[in-house]
């Protein structure tokens, strides 16, 4: 799997975007509240998901698409998207074509590409798991709870595929899905 992949180098200044992962409602006395746990991911991950949803949602997803067309459809800067798609290609998520039919296409069925795979390819394994040093600093109780939280998040990310996002997103819904990931 991708877990052995080397971490990607990212600028500490790369924009990060939060997205909800787990929602839970609870009651405290007469008040009902909703907790919202968020994960922050680099903008590169969001552009990767948007590009993959675009490729998966095409009528002929096996046909290569020029990077500039993917960038235009997703609102991603082409130069930045080029680096992202190089990481996706290295991870076996997309394949590149040269010559007359140049461009990018999915290398696997979109139902086999999870959000977890995309995060590992674009941000590396450190983005999904807390470093051991933090767990050691916070003590064993924190380490146990935090490991459980990490596993819940990883399970959720593994359960959602690019196919899920592409098939749930048609027409205006697809534009909204791309907007959420942007």
Protein backbone atom coordinates (compact mmCIF):
# COMPACT_ATOMS: atom_id res chain seq x y z
CA UNK A 1 0.00 0.00 0.00
CA UNK A 2 0.84 3.63 0.16
CA UNK A 3 1.63 3.58 3.84
CA UNK A 4 5.32 2.99 3.06
CA UNK A 5 5.44 5.99 0.73
CA UNK A 6 7.80 8.77 1.71
CA UNK A 7 6.07 11.87 3.08
CA UNK A 8 5.50 14.63 0.57
CA UNK A 9 7.32 17.87 1.17
CA UNK A 10 4.92 20.75 1.59
CA UNK A 11 5.50 24.34 2.34
CA UNK A 12 4.38 25.24 5.84
CA UNK A 13 2.59 28.11 4.13
CA UNK A 14 0.50 25.93 1.82
CA UNK A 15 -3.14 26.84 2.39
CA UNK A 16 -5.01 24.30 4.49
CA UNK A 17 -8.73 23.73 4.38
CA UNK A 18 -10.86 22.16 7.11
CA UNK A 19 -13.63 19.75 6.26
CA UNK A 20 -16.05 17.93 8.56
CA UNK A 21 -15.30 14.26 9.15
CA UNK A 22 -17.54 13.19 12.02
CA UNK A 23 -20.77 14.76 13.19
CA UNK A 24 -22.39 13.73 16.44
CA UNK A 25 -25.47 15.08 18.16
CA UNK A 26 -25.77 14.97 21.92
CA UNK A 27 -28.03 16.33 24.64
CA UNK A 28 -26.82 18.20 27.69
CA UNK A 29 -29.69 19.00 30.04
CA UNK A 30 -32.30 20.80 27.95
CA UNK A 31 -29.81 21.73 25.23
CA UNK A 32 -29.07 19.69 22.13
CA UNK A 33 -25.75 20.37 20.54
CA UNK A 34 -23.90 19.05 17.55
CA UNK A 35 -20.19 18.37 17.70
CA UNK A 36 -18.25 18.75 14.52
CA UNK A 37 -14.80 17.27 14.27
CA UNK A 38 -12.69 18.64 11.48
CA UNK A 39 -9.54 17.58 9.73
CA UNK A 40 -7.33 20.11 8.03
CA UNK A 41 -5.78 19.10 4.74
CA UNK A 42 -3.52 20.93 2.37
CA UNK A 43 -5.08 22.58 -0.65
CA UNK A 44 -3.21 20.02 -2.78
CA UNK A 45 -5.45 17.25 -1.44
CA UNK A 46 -8.58 19.23 -2.28
CA UNK A 47 -7.37 19.89 -5.82
CA UNK A 48 -6.49 16.20 -6.17
CA UNK A 49 -9.99 15.11 -5.12
CA UNK A 50 -11.62 17.67 -7.40
CA UNK A 51 -9.50 16.52 -10.36
CA UNK A 52 -10.21 12.85 -9.70
CA UNK A 53 -13.97 13.46 -9.34
CA UNK A 54 -13.86 15.32 -12.64
CA UNK A 55 -12.04 12.42 -14.36
CA UNK A 56 -14.37 9.81 -12.85
CA UNK A 57 -17.48 11.75 -13.82
CA UNK A 58 -16.68 11.92 -17.52
CA UNK A 59 -18.62 9.78 -19.98
CA UNK A 60 -15.37 8.15 -21.13
CA UNK A 61 -13.17 8.20 -18.03
CA UNK A 62 -10.56 5.97 -19.68
CA UNK A 63 -9.73 8.67 -22.23
CA UNK A 64 -6.90 11.03 -21.24
CA UNK A 65 -7.66 14.66 -20.48
CA UNK A 66 -5.19 17.50 -20.84
CA UNK A 67 -3.98 18.90 -17.53
CA UNK A 68 -5.04 22.40 -18.55
CA UNK A 69 -8.61 21.13 -19.04
CA UNK A 70 -8.60 19.46 -15.62
CA UNK A 71 -7.25 22.69 -14.12
CA UNK A 72 -9.95 24.73 -15.85
CA UNK A 73 -12.75 22.41 -14.70
CA UNK A 74 -11.55 22.29 -11.10
CA UNK A 75 -10.34 25.86 -10.65
CA UNK A 76 -6.84 24.68 -9.73
CA UNK A 77 -3.68 26.48 -10.88
CA UNK A 78 -2.22 24.33 -13.68
CA UNK A 79 1.40 24.40 -12.43
CA UNK A 80 0.32 23.34 -8.93
CA UNK A 81 -2.00 20.67 -10.34
CA UNK A 82 0.90 19.30 -12.39
CA UNK A 83 2.88 18.56 -9.21
CA UNK A 84 -0.19 17.04 -7.56
CA UNK A 85 -0.87 14.75 -10.53
CA UNK A 86 2.79 13.63 -10.53
CA UNK A 87 2.24 12.40 -6.95
CA UNK A 88 -1.03 10.73 -7.95
CA UNK A 89 0.76 9.04 -10.86
CA UNK A 90 3.55 7.81 -8.57
CA UNK A 91 0.89 6.32 -6.27
CA UNK A 92 -0.78 4.50 -9.18
CA UNK A 93 -4.00 6.53 -8.97
CA UNK A 94 -3.71 8.18 -12.39
CA UNK A 95 -1.72 7.36 -15.48
CA UNK A 96 -0.22 9.83 -17.88
CA UNK A 97 -0.29 9.55 -21.66
CA UNK A 98 2.09 11.14 -24.12
CA UNK A 99 1.74 11.97 -27.78
CA UNK A 100 -1.47 12.84 -29.62
CA UNK A 101 -3.67 11.32 -26.89
CA UNK A 102 -1.70 13.01 -24.11
CA UNK A 103 -3.12 13.83 -20.72
CA UNK A 104 -4.21 12.05 -17.57
CA UNK A 105 -6.74 9.30 -16.93
CA UNK A 106 -7.60 7.21 -13.88
CA UNK A 107 -5.27 4.23 -13.48
CA UNK A 108 -7.80 2.31 -11.39
CA UNK A 109 -11.53 2.01 -11.15
CA UNK A 110 -12.84 5.06 -9.23
CA UNK A 111 -14.54 2.66 -6.79
CA UNK A 112 -11.08 1.43 -5.77
CA UNK A 113 -9.66 4.88 -5.02
CA UNK A 114 -10.48 5.99 -1.49
CA UNK A 115 -10.05 9.43 0.01
CA UNK A 116 -7.48 7.81 2.28
CA UNK A 117 -5.45 6.80 -0.81
CA UNK A 118 -5.61 10.36 -2.15
CA UNK A 119 -4.48 11.89 1.14
CA UNK A 120 -1.55 9.49 1.40
CA UNK A 121 -0.55 10.23 -2.20
CA UNK A 122 -0.73 14.00 -1.87
CA UNK A 123 0.30 14.62 1.74
CA UNK A 124 2.00 11.43 2.91
CA UNK A 125 1.27 9.21 5.91
CA UNK A 126 2.08 11.89 8.48
CA UNK A 127 -1.05 13.77 7.44
CA UNK A 128 -3.31 10.96 8.65
CA UNK A 129 -1.53 10.03 11.87
CA UNK A 130 -0.18 12.06 14.77
CA UNK A 131 3.50 11.73 15.43
CA UNK A 132 4.50 9.42 18.27
CA UNK A 133 6.34 12.27 19.99
CA UNK A 134 3.05 14.09 20.60
CA UNK A 135 1.44 10.96 22.03
CA UNK A 136 4.45 10.45 24.33
CA UNK A 137 4.33 14.08 25.49
CA UNK A 138 0.62 13.90 26.27
CA UNK A 139 0.75 10.60 28.14
CA UNK A 140 -0.74 7.13 27.71
CA UNK A 141 -4.39 8.14 28.24
CA UNK A 142 -4.19 10.72 25.49
CA UNK A 143 -2.31 8.31 23.22
CA UNK A 144 -5.02 5.66 23.60
CA UNK A 145 -7.91 8.04 22.92
CA UNK A 146 -6.12 9.78 20.07
CA UNK A 147 -5.25 6.47 18.40
CA UNK A 148 -8.96 5.57 18.49
CA UNK A 149 -9.86 8.94 16.94
CA UNK A 150 -7.24 8.50 14.22
CA UNK A 151 -8.57 5.03 13.40
CA UNK A 152 -12.17 6.34 13.16
CA UNK A 153 -11.05 9.06 10.78
CA UNK A 154 -8.96 6.63 8.70
CA UNK A 155 -11.88 4.17 8.51
CA UNK A 156 -14.20 6.92 7.31
CA UNK A 157 -11.70 8.13 4.71
CA UNK A 158 -11.18 4.54 3.49
CA UNK A 159 -14.95 4.06 3.15
CA UNK A 160 -15.50 6.97 0.74
CA UNK A 161 -14.31 6.51 -2.83
CA UNK A 162 -13.92 8.79 -5.80
CA UNK A 163 -16.76 6.83 -7.42
CA UNK A 164 -19.01 7.67 -4.46
CA UNK A 165 -18.27 11.36 -4.86
CA UNK A 166 -18.61 11.32 -8.65
CA UNK A 167 -21.86 9.33 -8.74
CA UNK A 168 -23.43 11.35 -5.93
CA UNK A 169 -22.49 14.47 -7.85
CA UNK A 170 -24.23 15.04 -11.14
CA UNK A 171 -24.87 18.40 -12.72
CA UNK A 172 -25.40 21.08 -10.07
CA UNK A 173 -24.57 18.57 -7.33
CA UNK A 174 -21.17 17.89 -8.92
CA UNK A 175 -20.42 21.61 -9.01
CA UNK A 176 -21.33 21.80 -5.30
CA UNK A 177 -19.13 18.77 -4.48
CA UNK A 178 -16.22 20.36 -6.31
CA UNK A 179 -16.93 23.61 -4.46
CA UNK A 180 -16.83 21.83 -1.07
CA UNK A 181 -13.46 20.34 -1.96
CA UNK A 182 -12.08 23.69 -3.11
